[in-house]
Amino acid sequence: MPDRDAPPSPIPDSKIRSRRQTRLSLVWIIPIVAAIIGAWVAVVKIMNQGPKIEIVFRSAEGLEAGKTKVHYNGVDVGQVATIRLSKDYKHVIATVEMAPDTEGFLVDDTRFWAVTPRISGATVSGLGTLISGAYITFEIGKSPKNRRSFEALDTPPVVTGDLPGRFFVLKTTDLGSVDTGTPVYFRRLKVGQVASYELDKDGRNLTVKIYVYAPYDQYVNPETRFWQASGIDVSLSATGVSVQTQSVMSMLIGGIAFETPATGQVLPPADPNTVFTLYRDRAEAYKPPPQNPQTFLLIFNQSVRGLTVGAPVDFRGILIGEVTEVHAEVDLKTKEFLIYADITVDPQRLGVRTAAGQTGVSKGKNRKLVDGMVSRGLRAQLRTGNLLTGSLYVAFDFYPDAPQYKVDWSQNPVRLPTIPGQLEGIEASVAKVMNKLEQVPYQEIGNDLRKTIAGLDQTLADTRRTLDNANRLLEPDSELSQEMTSTLRELKGAARELRLLTDYLERHPESLLRGKPEEK
């Protein structure tokens, strides 16, 4: 039992302690955690967000904000966020959110364009967008300078930078059937295509840019000839009909062909962007250029319908030049309306050589040559080159009976003599015949002929009466007929007696001497 008498234990003194208050209530924990998570998501999104760019289009056809994708090699690398009009209302500006790690794509020479169904030349592209819709694609440039605003191409580029080959430039005065995507042929093999074309600033020529794939680009050297190979080239010669074409596709959409003439030496390939001439056809491409062209003037006093600039000038079938200009003038002295035609002639095409054997002649020898040929009757004449089209050409030939002509070398250009064309010569001959016919005295001849016809009528009447009389005399019951019958009977009897005499003499030839013996 406890000791009740024991003194009680001492009680400790109490101390007042203040209660510790928390600074943050549990109610705020959830919003704070949510804010932290949201900030983390925002930071992650910002870190994973790619650059924003602006692309200017002519039209927003096929583009849709929030749906139109940006593809590169079939991979989605961006999406159109917004589409708005420019301040001048002429263009459309599309804001595109690119994927991360695409900063290296967005350089100064990167090219963007919209992919839609398109048919250009022989190229058919974008057919898949009929189902999936239009999209934007691009070609990565090589510039080290970054860029965030681009202007889209109106048409997709025919050739991209990853296709090996080289560009060349062609100059022509007529585009013909050439278009973007038109194929380029070498020995009837498709080796390239037309990348673009544009009209020069002076408006006289067109510049066509073509791309020739590797390894065929090595066959293009400084001597290569390019020409338009569209349609069918039909030629008729002594060996028959010749038909030439590059391919069926070139007949439908056109094409460009090139060849390199055989020069006997191997030339290095042409440099990129070398400028060539695009000819109308292969014959023009291979026509030798004039080495020493000389200009002459021809004057015609006749219709030159069908004579055009570029018409051939030949000498007995050999092409020696072409017509460069055709114009008309009025001679105030004679009041004549004349046609002037300027021609260029290359004497070297005639095989003219100097004593040293070199082609070409000096100025003095050239004058003596022309004077001698003109004195022998050299004249120019318009002839029909094609009966279907009525085209004309200038032909030189010798006409010894032509009037004498002296060349005036003080003129510029020098005038050469001409004679009327074939048709005009026929017309002149017909006119001479008509003049002679007009001098014939038709009236006197007619009067004489009328008198002759009248006399002939009288003669015919007399002849008719004579025939009638003859018919009456020859009738069976006529007197003449009876007399003729009696005469014929007597002639018959005499012939019988003569035959009897002849028979008797054959039996008794001695009777001619002794006579006929008397009958006993």
Protein backbone atom coordinates (compact mmCIF):
# COMPACT_ATOMS: atom_id res chain seq x y z
CA MET A 1 0.00 0.00 0.00
CA PRO A 2 1.22 3.40 -0.62
CA ASP A 3 2.46 5.55 2.12
CA ARG A 4 -0.22 8.09 2.80
CA ASP A 5 1.99 10.12 5.08
CA ALA A 6 4.59 10.70 2.44
CA PRO A 7 4.84 14.27 1.23
CA PRO A 8 3.34 14.99 -2.24
CA SER A 9 5.61 15.30 -5.28
CA PRO A 10 6.22 18.79 -6.52
CA ILE A 11 3.99 19.93 -9.47
CA PRO A 12 5.85 21.63 -12.31
CA ASP A 13 4.94 25.15 -13.18
CA SER A 14 2.77 25.55 -16.32
CA LYS A 15 4.02 27.53 -19.29
CA ILE A 16 1.92 29.27 -21.89
CA ARG A 17 2.83 28.30 -25.45
CA SER A 18 1.35 30.08 -28.56
CA ARG A 19 -0.03 27.82 -31.30
CA ARG A 20 2.08 27.70 -34.58
CA GLN A 21 -0.03 28.80 -37.63
CA THR A 22 0.66 27.39 -41.15
CA ARG A 23 1.33 30.02 -43.90
CA LEU A 24 -0.31 28.01 -46.72
CA SER A 25 -3.66 26.45 -46.51
CA LEU A 26 -4.29 23.01 -47.88
CA VAL A 27 -6.98 24.51 -50.09
CA TRP A 28 -4.34 26.18 -52.33
CA ILE A 29 -2.29 23.05 -52.97
CA ILE A 30 -4.39 21.83 -55.91
CA PRO A 31 -4.38 25.14 -57.86
CA ILE A 32 -0.69 25.50 -57.33
CA VAL A 33 0.00 21.99 -58.62
CA ALA A 34 -2.27 22.63 -61.62
CA ALA A 35 -0.44 25.88 -62.37
CA ILE A 36 2.88 24.13 -62.17
CA ILE A 37 1.69 21.39 -64.54
CA GLY A 38 0.26 23.97 -66.94
CA ALA A 39 3.49 25.94 -66.95
CA TRP A 40 5.42 22.77 -67.63
CA VAL A 41 3.12 21.86 -70.52
CA ALA A 42 3.43 25.37 -71.94
CA VAL A 43 7.19 25.26 -71.69
CA VAL A 44 7.26 21.84 -73.35
CA LYS A 45 4.93 23.05 -76.11
CA ILE A 46 6.99 26.16 -76.71
CA MET A 47 10.15 24.11 -76.79
CA ASN A 48 8.57 21.66 -79.26
CA GLN A 49 6.96 24.32 -81.42
CA GLY A 50 8.54 25.02 -84.79
CA PRO A 51 8.98 28.37 -86.53
CA LYS A 52 6.09 30.29 -88.07
CA ILE A 53 6.39 31.50 -91.64
CA GLU A 54 4.26 33.43 -94.11
CA ILE A 55 3.72 32.34 -97.70
CA VAL A 56 2.16 34.66 -100.29
CA PHE A 57 -0.12 33.04 -102.90
CA ARG A 58 -2.00 34.52 -105.82
CA SER A 59 -5.12 32.63 -104.80
CA ALA A 60 -6.25 30.54 -101.84
CA GLU A 61 -7.91 27.99 -104.11
CA GLY A 62 -7.54 24.55 -102.53
CA LEU A 63 -6.06 25.94 -99.26
CA GLU A 64 -7.93 25.68 -95.93
CA ALA A 65 -6.81 26.96 -92.54
CA GLY A 66 -6.27 24.20 -89.99
CA LYS A 67 -6.38 21.43 -92.61
CA THR A 68 -3.94 22.09 -95.43
CA LYS A 69 -0.64 20.35 -94.72
CA VAL A 70 2.92 21.14 -95.72
CA HIS A 71 4.69 18.08 -97.14
CA TYR A 72 8.31 17.40 -97.92
CA ASN A 73 9.11 14.07 -99.55
CA GLY A 74 5.74 12.77 -98.34
CA VAL A 75 6.28 13.76 -94.66
CA ASP A 76 4.11 16.32 -92.86
CA VAL A 77 6.35 19.14 -91.70
CA GLY A 78 3.78 21.88 -91.12
CA GLN A 79 0.20 23.06 -91.34
CA VAL A 80 -1.58 26.20 -92.48
CA ALA A 81 -2.78 28.05 -89.38
CA THR A 82 -4.50 31.14 -90.86
CA ILE A 83 -5.27 32.61 -94.24
CA ARG A 84 -5.81 36.33 -94.85
CA LEU A 85 -5.84 38.84 -97.67
CA SER A 86 -2.99 41.24 -98.26
CA LYS A 87 -3.49 44.95 -97.73
CA ASP A 88 -3.92 45.59 -101.47
CA TYR A 89 -6.40 42.65 -101.76
CA LYS A 90 -4.38 41.21 -104.65
CA HIS A 91 -2.73 38.30 -102.87
CA VAL A 92 -3.37 35.77 -100.11
CA ILE A 93 -1.05 35.39 -97.13
CA ALA A 94 -0.99 32.01 -95.42
CA THR A 95 0.55 31.67 -91.96
CA VAL A 96 2.15 28.24 -91.62
CA GLU A 97 3.26 26.56 -88.41
CA MET A 98 6.27 24.45 -89.24
CA ALA A 99 7.42 21.41 -87.32
CA PRO A 100 10.41 21.61 -84.96
CA ASP A 101 13.88 21.24 -86.37
CA THR A 102 12.84 22.78 -89.71
CA GLU A 103 14.84 25.97 -89.31
CA GLY A 104 17.43 24.58 -91.70
CA PHE A 105 14.76 24.33 -94.44
CA LEU A 106 13.80 28.00 -94.26
CA VAL A 107 16.60 29.71 -96.14
CA ASP A 108 16.61 32.54 -98.63
CA ASP A 109 16.34 30.46 -101.84
CA THR A 110 13.79 27.90 -100.61
CA ARG A 111 10.82 27.71 -102.99
CA PHE A 112 7.21 26.92 -101.98
CA TRP A 113 4.26 26.04 -104.23
CA ALA A 114 0.80 24.53 -103.94
CA VAL A 115 0.23 21.04 -105.32
CA THR A 116 -3.07 20.73 -107.22
CA PRO A 117 -4.18 18.62 -110.23
CA ARG A 118 -2.28 20.03 -113.19
CA ILE A 119 -1.67 19.13 -116.85
CA SER A 120 1.23 20.96 -118.50
CA GLY A 121 2.79 19.75 -121.72
CA ALA A 122 3.51 16.07 -121.25
CA THR A 123 3.45 16.34 -117.44
CA VAL A 124 0.41 15.30 -115.43
CA SER A 125 0.84 15.94 -111.70
CA GLY A 126 -1.16 16.28 -108.49
CA LEU A 127 -3.78 13.66 -109.31
CA GLY A 128 -3.62 12.37 -105.72
CA THR A 129 -4.95 15.69 -104.45
CA LEU A 130 -8.33 14.89 -106.03
CA ILE A 131 -8.92 12.64 -103.00
CA SER A 132 -6.64 13.99 -100.24
CA GLY A 133 -6.96 17.68 -101.10
CA ALA A 134 -4.33 20.25 -102.02
CA TYR A 135 -1.15 20.60 -100.01
CA ILE A 136 1.98 22.76 -99.95
CA THR A 137 5.45 21.48 -100.73
CA PHE A 138 8.82 23.10 -101.18
CA GLU A 139 12.37 22.72 -102.43
CA ILE A 140 15.10 23.37 -99.89
CA GLY A 141 17.58 26.03 -100.97
CA LYS A 142 21.30 26.21 -100.35
CA SER A 143 21.62 29.78 -99.08
CA PRO A 144 23.08 30.27 -95.59
CA LYS A 145 20.69 33.18 -94.92
CA ASN A 146 17.49 32.38 -92.97
CA ARG A 147 14.10 33.64 -94.08
CA ARG A 148 10.53 33.67 -92.68
CA SER A 149 8.51 35.21 -95.52
CA PHE A 150 8.22 33.58 -98.93
CA GLU A 151 6.38 34.11 -102.22
CA ALA A 152 4.90 30.91 -103.64
CA LEU A 153 5.52 29.88 -107.24
CA ASP A 154 2.58 30.12 -109.61
CA THR A 155 3.45 26.76 -111.19
CA PRO A 156 5.48 23.89 -109.77
CA PRO A 157 9.08 23.78 -111.03
CA VAL A 158 9.62 21.15 -113.68
CA VAL A 159 13.10 20.33 -112.44
CA THR A 160 14.14 20.22 -108.81
CA GLY A 161 17.64 20.59 -107.46
CA ASP A 162 18.12 16.90 -106.67
CA LEU A 163 17.85 15.82 -110.35
CA PRO A 164 21.30 15.62 -112.00
CA GLY A 165 21.73 17.49 -115.25
CA ARG A 166 22.30 20.99 -116.63
CA PHE A 167 20.24 23.96 -117.76
CA PHE A 168 20.63 25.50 -121.22
CA VAL A 169 19.07 28.61 -122.74
CA LEU A 170 17.44 28.75 -126.19
CA LYS A 171 16.58 31.91 -128.14
CA THR A 172 13.74 31.94 -130.69
CA THR A 173 11.41 34.37 -132.43
CA ASP A 174 8.42 31.98 -132.42
CA LEU A 175 7.47 29.78 -129.48
CA GLY A 176 5.37 27.43 -131.61
CA SER A 177 3.94 24.55 -129.57
CA VAL A 178 6.64 24.71 -126.88
CA ASP A 179 5.28 24.81 -123.32
CA THR A 180 6.47 24.11 -119.82
CA GLY A 181 7.16 20.40 -119.61
CA THR A 182 7.64 19.95 -123.36
CA PRO A 183 10.06 17.03 -123.87
CA VAL A 184 13.56 17.41 -125.30
CA TYR A 185 14.77 14.63 -127.63
CA PHE A 186 18.19 13.39 -128.65
CA ARG A 187 18.13 10.74 -131.40
CA ARG A 188 14.39 10.25 -130.67
CA LEU A 189 15.17 9.55 -127.01
CA LYS A 190 13.65 11.80 -124.36
CA VAL A 191 16.58 13.33 -122.48
CA GLY A 192 15.08 16.46 -120.89
CA GLN A 193 12.24 18.93 -120.84
CA VAL A 194 11.41 22.62 -120.98
CA ALA A 195 11.70 24.22 -117.55
CA SER A 196 10.37 27.72 -118.33
CA TYR A 197 10.01 30.38 -121.02
CA GLU A 198 9.51 34.13 -121.08
CA LEU A 199 9.32 37.02 -123.50
CA ASP A 200 12.37 39.27 -123.67
CA LYS A 201 12.03 42.88 -122.57
CA ASP A 202 12.38 44.17 -126.14
CA GLY A 203 9.50 41.92 -127.24
CA ARG A 204 11.42 40.54 -130.24
CA ASN A 205 12.60 37.17 -128.99
CA LEU A 206 11.68 34.56 -126.44
CA THR A 207 13.98 32.86 -123.97
CA VAL A 208 13.35 29.16 -123.40
CA LYS A 209 15.12 27.42 -120.53
CA ILE A 210 15.54 23.67 -120.90
CA TYR A 211 16.98 21.02 -118.61
CA VAL A 212 18.91 18.06 -120.03
CA TYR A 213 19.29 15.09 -117.72
CA ALA A 214 22.62 13.48 -116.95
CA PRO A 215 24.40 11.74 -118.61
CA TYR A 216 22.84 13.06 -121.84
CA ASP A 217 23.92 16.62 -121.04
CA GLN A 218 27.48 15.68 -122.05
CA TYR A 219 26.33 15.44 -125.69
CA VAL A 220 25.55 19.17 -125.79
CA ASN A 221 28.61 21.12 -126.97
CA PRO A 222 29.06 24.60 -128.49
CA GLU A 223 28.27 23.24 -132.01
CA THR A 224 24.96 21.58 -131.05
CA ARG A 225 21.86 22.59 -133.06
CA PHE A 226 18.38 22.80 -131.49
CA TRP A 227 15.11 22.89 -133.45
CA GLN A 228 11.37 22.49 -132.89
CA ALA A 229 10.37 18.89 -133.51
CA SER A 230 6.58 19.24 -133.34
CA GLY A 231 4.31 17.70 -135.98
CA ILE A 232 5.35 15.62 -138.99
CA ASP A 233 8.05 16.56 -141.48
CA VAL A 234 7.03 15.23 -144.92
CA SER A 235 9.40 15.70 -147.87
CA LEU A 236 9.12 14.53 -151.47
CA SER A 237 12.35 13.80 -153.33
CA ALA A 238 13.59 11.73 -156.25
CA THR A 239 13.84 8.69 -153.96
CA GLY A 240 10.21 8.93 -152.81
CA VAL A 241 8.26 10.33 -149.89
CA SER A 242 10.13 10.76 -146.58
CA VAL A 243 8.26 11.19 -143.27
CA GLN A 244 10.18 12.19 -140.15
CA THR A 245 8.98 12.72 -136.58
CA GLN A 246 10.48 12.34 -133.12
CA SER A 247 7.62 10.46 -131.44
CA VAL A 248 3.85 10.21 -131.28
CA MET A 249 3.93 12.46 -128.21
CA SER A 250 5.80 15.17 -130.10
CA MET A 251 3.08 15.16 -132.77
CA LEU A 252 0.45 15.83 -130.10
CA ILE A 253 2.17 18.28 -127.75
CA GLY A 254 5.33 19.31 -129.62
CA GLY A 255 8.95 18.89 -128.68
CA ILE A 256 12.53 20.11 -129.06
CA ALA A 257 15.29 18.03 -130.63
CA PHE A 258 19.02 18.54 -130.84
CA GLU A 259 21.97 17.04 -132.65
CA THR A 260 25.66 17.77 -132.95
CA PRO A 261 27.13 17.92 -136.48
CA ALA A 262 30.08 15.66 -137.12
CA THR A 263 33.10 17.98 -137.27
CA GLY A 264 35.85 15.38 -136.98
CA GLN A 265 36.98 16.69 -133.61
CA VAL A 266 35.74 16.02 -130.09
CA LEU A 267 34.52 19.20 -128.41
CA PRO A 268 34.06 19.58 -124.64
CA PRO A 269 30.51 19.73 -123.25
CA ALA A 270 28.88 23.15 -123.16
CA ASP A 271 28.82 25.08 -119.91
CA PRO A 272 25.53 25.38 -117.98
CA ASN A 273 23.21 28.17 -119.20
CA THR A 274 24.96 28.33 -122.58
CA VAL A 275 22.79 30.23 -125.09
CA PHE A 276 21.76 28.46 -128.32
CA THR A 277 19.42 29.34 -131.19
CA LEU A 278 16.16 27.41 -131.47
CA TYR A 279 15.44 26.88 -135.19
CA ARG A 280 12.07 26.16 -136.79
CA ASP A 281 13.10 22.79 -138.23
CA ARG A 282 16.09 20.56 -138.83
CA ALA A 283 16.72 21.88 -142.36
CA GLU A 284 17.05 25.43 -141.06
CA ALA A 285 19.25 24.28 -138.18
CA TYR A 286 21.70 22.60 -140.54
CA LYS A 287 21.68 25.34 -143.16
CA PRO A 288 25.26 26.65 -143.35
CA PRO A 289 25.55 30.24 -142.19
CA PRO A 290 26.64 32.77 -144.84
CA GLN A 291 30.35 33.50 -144.71
CA ASN A 292 30.44 36.64 -146.86
CA PRO A 293 26.84 37.78 -147.53
CA GLN A 294 26.29 40.60 -150.01
CA THR A 295 23.10 42.60 -150.43
CA PHE A 296 21.54 43.33 -153.84
CA LEU A 297 18.35 45.04 -154.98
CA LEU A 298 15.77 43.59 -157.36
CA ILE A 299 12.92 45.61 -158.87
CA PHE A 300 9.79 43.85 -160.13
CA ASN A 301 7.00 45.41 -162.16
CA GLN A 302 4.51 42.67 -161.34
CA SER A 303 2.58 41.16 -158.48
CA VAL A 304 4.75 39.65 -155.75
CA ARG A 305 1.93 37.97 -153.87
CA GLY A 306 3.52 34.90 -152.27
CA LEU A 307 7.00 36.42 -151.95
CA THR A 308 7.85 36.72 -148.26
CA VAL A 309 10.88 37.57 -146.17
CA GLY A 310 13.05 34.47 -145.96
CA ALA A 311 12.06 33.19 -149.39
CA PRO A 312 14.95 31.30 -151.01
CA VAL A 313 17.20 32.72 -153.72
CA ASP A 314 18.72 30.03 -155.91
CA PHE A 315 20.86 29.67 -159.02
CA ARG A 316 19.81 26.70 -161.13
CA GLY A 317 18.59 24.86 -158.07
CA ILE A 318 21.49 25.80 -155.75
CA LEU A 319 20.48 27.87 -152.73
CA ILE A 320 22.66 30.99 -152.66
CA GLY A 321 20.73 33.38 -150.43
CA GLU A 322 17.35 34.60 -149.23
CA VAL A 323 14.98 37.55 -149.43
CA THR A 324 15.50 39.99 -146.56
CA GLU A 325 12.95 42.72 -147.31
CA VAL A 326 10.01 43.40 -149.66
CA HIS A 327 8.52 46.88 -150.03
CA ALA A 328 6.81 49.05 -152.62
CA GLU A 329 7.75 52.47 -154.01
CA VAL A 330 6.31 54.87 -156.57
CA ASP A 331 8.61 56.33 -159.22
CA LEU A 332 7.59 59.99 -159.42
CA LYS A 333 9.26 60.40 -162.80
CA THR A 334 7.60 57.52 -164.62
CA LYS A 335 4.52 57.30 -162.34
CA GLU A 336 5.13 53.57 -162.03
CA PHE A 337 4.36 51.47 -158.99
CA LEU A 338 7.38 49.19 -158.43
CA ILE A 339 8.15 46.42 -155.96
CA TYR A 340 11.60 46.44 -154.36
CA ALA A 341 13.09 43.25 -152.95
CA ASP A 342 16.37 43.16 -151.03
CA ILE A 343 18.27 39.88 -151.16
CA THR A 344 21.45 38.59 -149.56
CA VAL A 345 23.69 36.34 -151.65
CA ASP A 346 26.66 34.30 -150.48
CA PRO A 347 29.08 33.76 -153.41
CA GLN A 348 30.81 30.95 -151.55
CA ARG A 349 27.76 28.74 -151.98
CA LEU A 350 28.46 28.84 -155.71
CA GLY A 351 31.92 27.46 -155.10
CA VAL A 352 33.68 30.66 -156.16
CA ARG A 353 37.38 30.35 -155.38
CA THR A 354 40.40 32.53 -155.83
CA ALA A 355 43.54 31.54 -157.67
CA ALA A 356 45.07 30.42 -154.36
CA GLY A 357 42.26 27.92 -153.89
CA GLN A 358 40.64 29.75 -151.01
CA THR A 359 36.91 30.26 -151.03
CA GLY A 360 35.79 33.84 -151.55
CA VAL A 361 36.72 36.68 -153.85
CA SER A 362 37.94 40.18 -153.36
CA LYS A 363 35.80 43.23 -153.97
CA GLY A 364 37.31 44.02 -157.37
CA LYS A 365 37.14 40.43 -158.58
CA ASN A 366 33.60 40.17 -157.30
CA ARG A 367 32.56 43.13 -159.48
CA LYS A 368 34.23 41.63 -162.54
CA LEU A 369 32.52 38.32 -161.87
CA VAL A 370 29.06 39.89 -161.55
CA ASP A 371 29.60 42.13 -164.60
CA GLY A 372 30.65 39.16 -166.69
CA MET A 373 27.68 37.05 -165.62
CA VAL A 374 25.21 39.91 -166.23
CA SER A 375 26.68 40.57 -169.69
CA ARG A 376 26.12 36.89 -170.54
CA GLY A 377 22.43 37.22 -169.64
CA LEU A 378 22.22 36.58 -165.88
CA ARG A 379 18.76 37.71 -164.75
CA ALA A 380 16.52 37.28 -161.71
CA GLN A 381 13.02 35.92 -162.08
CA LEU A 382 10.11 35.17 -159.76
CA ARG A 383 9.00 31.55 -159.91
CA THR A 384 6.32 29.54 -158.16
CA GLY A 385 7.72 27.32 -155.46
CA ASN A 386 4.49 25.64 -154.36
CA LEU A 387 1.33 25.36 -156.43
CA LEU A 388 -0.81 24.72 -153.35
CA THR A 389 0.31 27.73 -151.30
CA GLY A 390 1.30 30.00 -154.19
CA SER A 391 4.64 30.84 -152.57
CA LEU A 392 7.28 32.47 -154.76
CA TYR A 393 11.06 32.41 -154.79
CA VAL A 394 13.81 34.25 -156.69
CA ALA A 395 15.65 32.25 -159.34
CA PHE A 396 18.80 33.35 -161.19
CA ASP A 397 19.57 31.95 -164.62
CA PHE A 398 21.12 32.92 -167.96
CA TYR A 399 18.91 34.37 -170.70
CA PRO A 400 21.14 35.17 -173.73
CA ASP A 401 18.31 36.95 -175.56
CA ALA A 402 17.68 39.38 -172.67
CA PRO A 403 18.39 43.09 -173.29
CA GLN A 404 21.84 44.30 -172.33
CA TYR A 405 22.25 45.71 -168.83
CA LYS A 406 25.14 47.44 -167.10
CA VAL A 407 25.51 47.18 -163.32
CA ASP A 408 25.86 50.51 -161.51
CA TRP A 409 28.20 49.87 -158.60
CA SER A 410 27.65 53.36 -157.19
CA GLN A 411 24.21 52.32 -155.95
CA ASN A 412 23.66 51.08 -152.44
CA PRO A 413 22.50 48.36 -152.57
CA VAL A 414 23.55 47.43 -156.09
CA ARG A 415 20.66 46.71 -158.43
CA LEU A 416 20.63 43.52 -160.51
CA PRO A 417 18.47 43.09 -163.63
CA THR A 418 15.22 41.12 -163.64
CA ILE A 419 12.89 39.63 -166.23
CA PRO A 420 9.14 38.92 -165.98
CA GLY A 421 8.11 35.76 -164.23
CA GLN A 422 6.91 32.64 -165.94
CA LEU A 423 3.25 33.54 -165.62
CA GLU A 424 3.88 37.10 -166.72
CA GLY A 425 5.81 35.80 -169.76
CA ILE A 426 2.86 33.64 -170.73
CA GLU A 427 0.54 36.59 -170.29
CA ALA A 428 2.79 38.74 -172.50
CA SER A 429 2.82 36.06 -175.21
CA VAL A 430 -0.94 35.77 -175.05
CA ALA A 431 -1.21 39.57 -175.28
CA LYS A 432 0.92 39.57 -178.43
CA VAL A 433 -1.25 36.90 -179.98
CA MET A 434 -4.36 38.87 -179.07
CA ASN A 435 -2.90 42.00 -180.65
CA LYS A 436 -2.23 40.11 -183.88
CA LEU A 437 -5.71 38.66 -183.81
CA GLU A 438 -7.15 42.14 -183.41
CA GLN A 439 -5.42 43.18 -186.66
CA VAL A 440 -7.12 40.42 -188.68
CA PRO A 441 -9.92 41.90 -191.06
CA TYR A 442 -12.70 39.77 -189.71
CA GLN A 443 -15.42 41.77 -191.52
CA GLU A 444 -13.92 41.37 -194.99
CA ILE A 445 -13.24 37.72 -194.35
CA GLY A 446 -16.84 37.35 -193.25
CA ASN A 447 -18.16 39.01 -196.40
CA ASP A 448 -15.98 36.84 -198.64
CA LEU A 449 -17.00 33.78 -196.69
CA ARG A 450 -20.66 34.73 -197.07
CA LYS A 451 -20.23 35.04 -200.86
CA THR A 452 -18.37 31.74 -201.01
CA ILE A 453 -21.13 30.05 -199.04
CA ALA A 454 -23.75 31.50 -201.43
CA GLY A 455 -21.82 30.15 -204.47
CA LEU A 456 -21.47 26.84 -202.72
CA ASP A 457 -25.22 26.70 -202.18
CA GLN A 458 -25.79 27.27 -205.98
CA THR A 459 -23.26 24.56 -206.81
CA LEU A 460 -24.95 22.17 -204.45
CA ALA A 461 -28.34 22.94 -206.09
CA ASP A 462 -26.92 22.24 -209.57
CA THR A 463 -25.34 19.05 -208.33
CA ARG A 464 -28.65 18.00 -206.83
CA ARG A 465 -30.44 18.56 -210.17
CA THR A 466 -27.76 16.59 -212.01
CA LEU A 467 -28.17 13.69 -209.62
CA ASP A 468 -31.93 13.79 -210.07
CA ASN A 469 -31.52 13.58 -213.85
CA ALA A 470 -29.09 10.73 -213.44
CA ASN A 471 -31.57 8.90 -211.25
CA ARG A 472 -34.32 9.30 -213.86
CA LEU A 473 -32.01 8.00 -216.58
CA LEU A 474 -31.08 4.96 -214.56
CA GLU A 475 -34.65 3.91 -213.81
CA PRO A 476 -35.58 0.37 -215.18
CA ASP A 477 -38.34 1.63 -217.50
CA SER A 478 -36.34 4.54 -218.87
CA GLU A 479 -35.27 4.71 -222.58
CA LEU A 480 -31.61 4.83 -221.59
CA SER A 481 -31.99 1.69 -219.54
CA GLN A 482 -33.65 -0.19 -222.48
CA GLU A 483 -30.96 0.93 -224.91
CA MET A 484 -28.27 -0.14 -222.49
CA THR A 485 -29.96 -3.56 -222.16
CA SER A 486 -30.10 -4.00 -225.96
CA THR A 487 -26.50 -2.94 -226.26
CA LEU A 488 -25.48 -5.43 -223.61
CA ARG A 489 -27.33 -8.22 -225.52
CA GLU A 490 -25.51 -7.34 -228.72
CA LEU A 491 -22.19 -7.25 -226.89
CA LYS A 492 -23.01 -10.64 -225.44
CA GLY A 493 -23.73 -12.10 -228.89
CA ALA A 494 -20.55 -10.62 -230.33
CA ALA A 495 -18.59 -12.08 -227.50
CA ARG A 496 -20.11 -15.51 -228.20
CA GLU A 497 -19.22 -15.30 -231.91
CA LEU A 498 -15.73 -14.18 -231.01
CA ARG A 499 -15.34 -17.14 -228.66
CA LEU A 500 -16.44 -19.51 -231.45
CA LEU A 501 -13.92 -17.96 -233.84
CA THR A 502 -11.20 -18.34 -231.29
CA ASP A 503 -12.03 -21.99 -230.75
CA TYR A 504 -12.02 -22.66 -234.51
CA LEU A 505 -8.65 -20.99 -235.00
CA GLU A 506 -7.22 -23.07 -232.18
CA ARG A 507 -8.32 -26.22 -234.08
CA HIS A 508 -7.43 -24.98 -237.57
CA PRO A 509 -4.65 -22.45 -237.37
CA GLU A 510 -3.84 -23.03 -241.06
CA SER A 511 -7.06 -21.38 -242.02
CA LEU A 512 -5.38 -18.04 -241.36
CA LEU A 513 -3.23 -18.76 -244.49
CA ARG A 514 -5.39 -21.00 -246.65
CA GLY A 515 -8.74 -19.76 -245.59
CA LYS A 516 -11.71 -21.73 -244.56
CA PRO A 517 -12.23 -24.82 -246.74
CA GLU A 518 -15.51 -25.04 -248.56
CA GLU A 519 -18.04 -27.47 -247.30
CA LYS A 520 -18.63 -30.47 -249.53
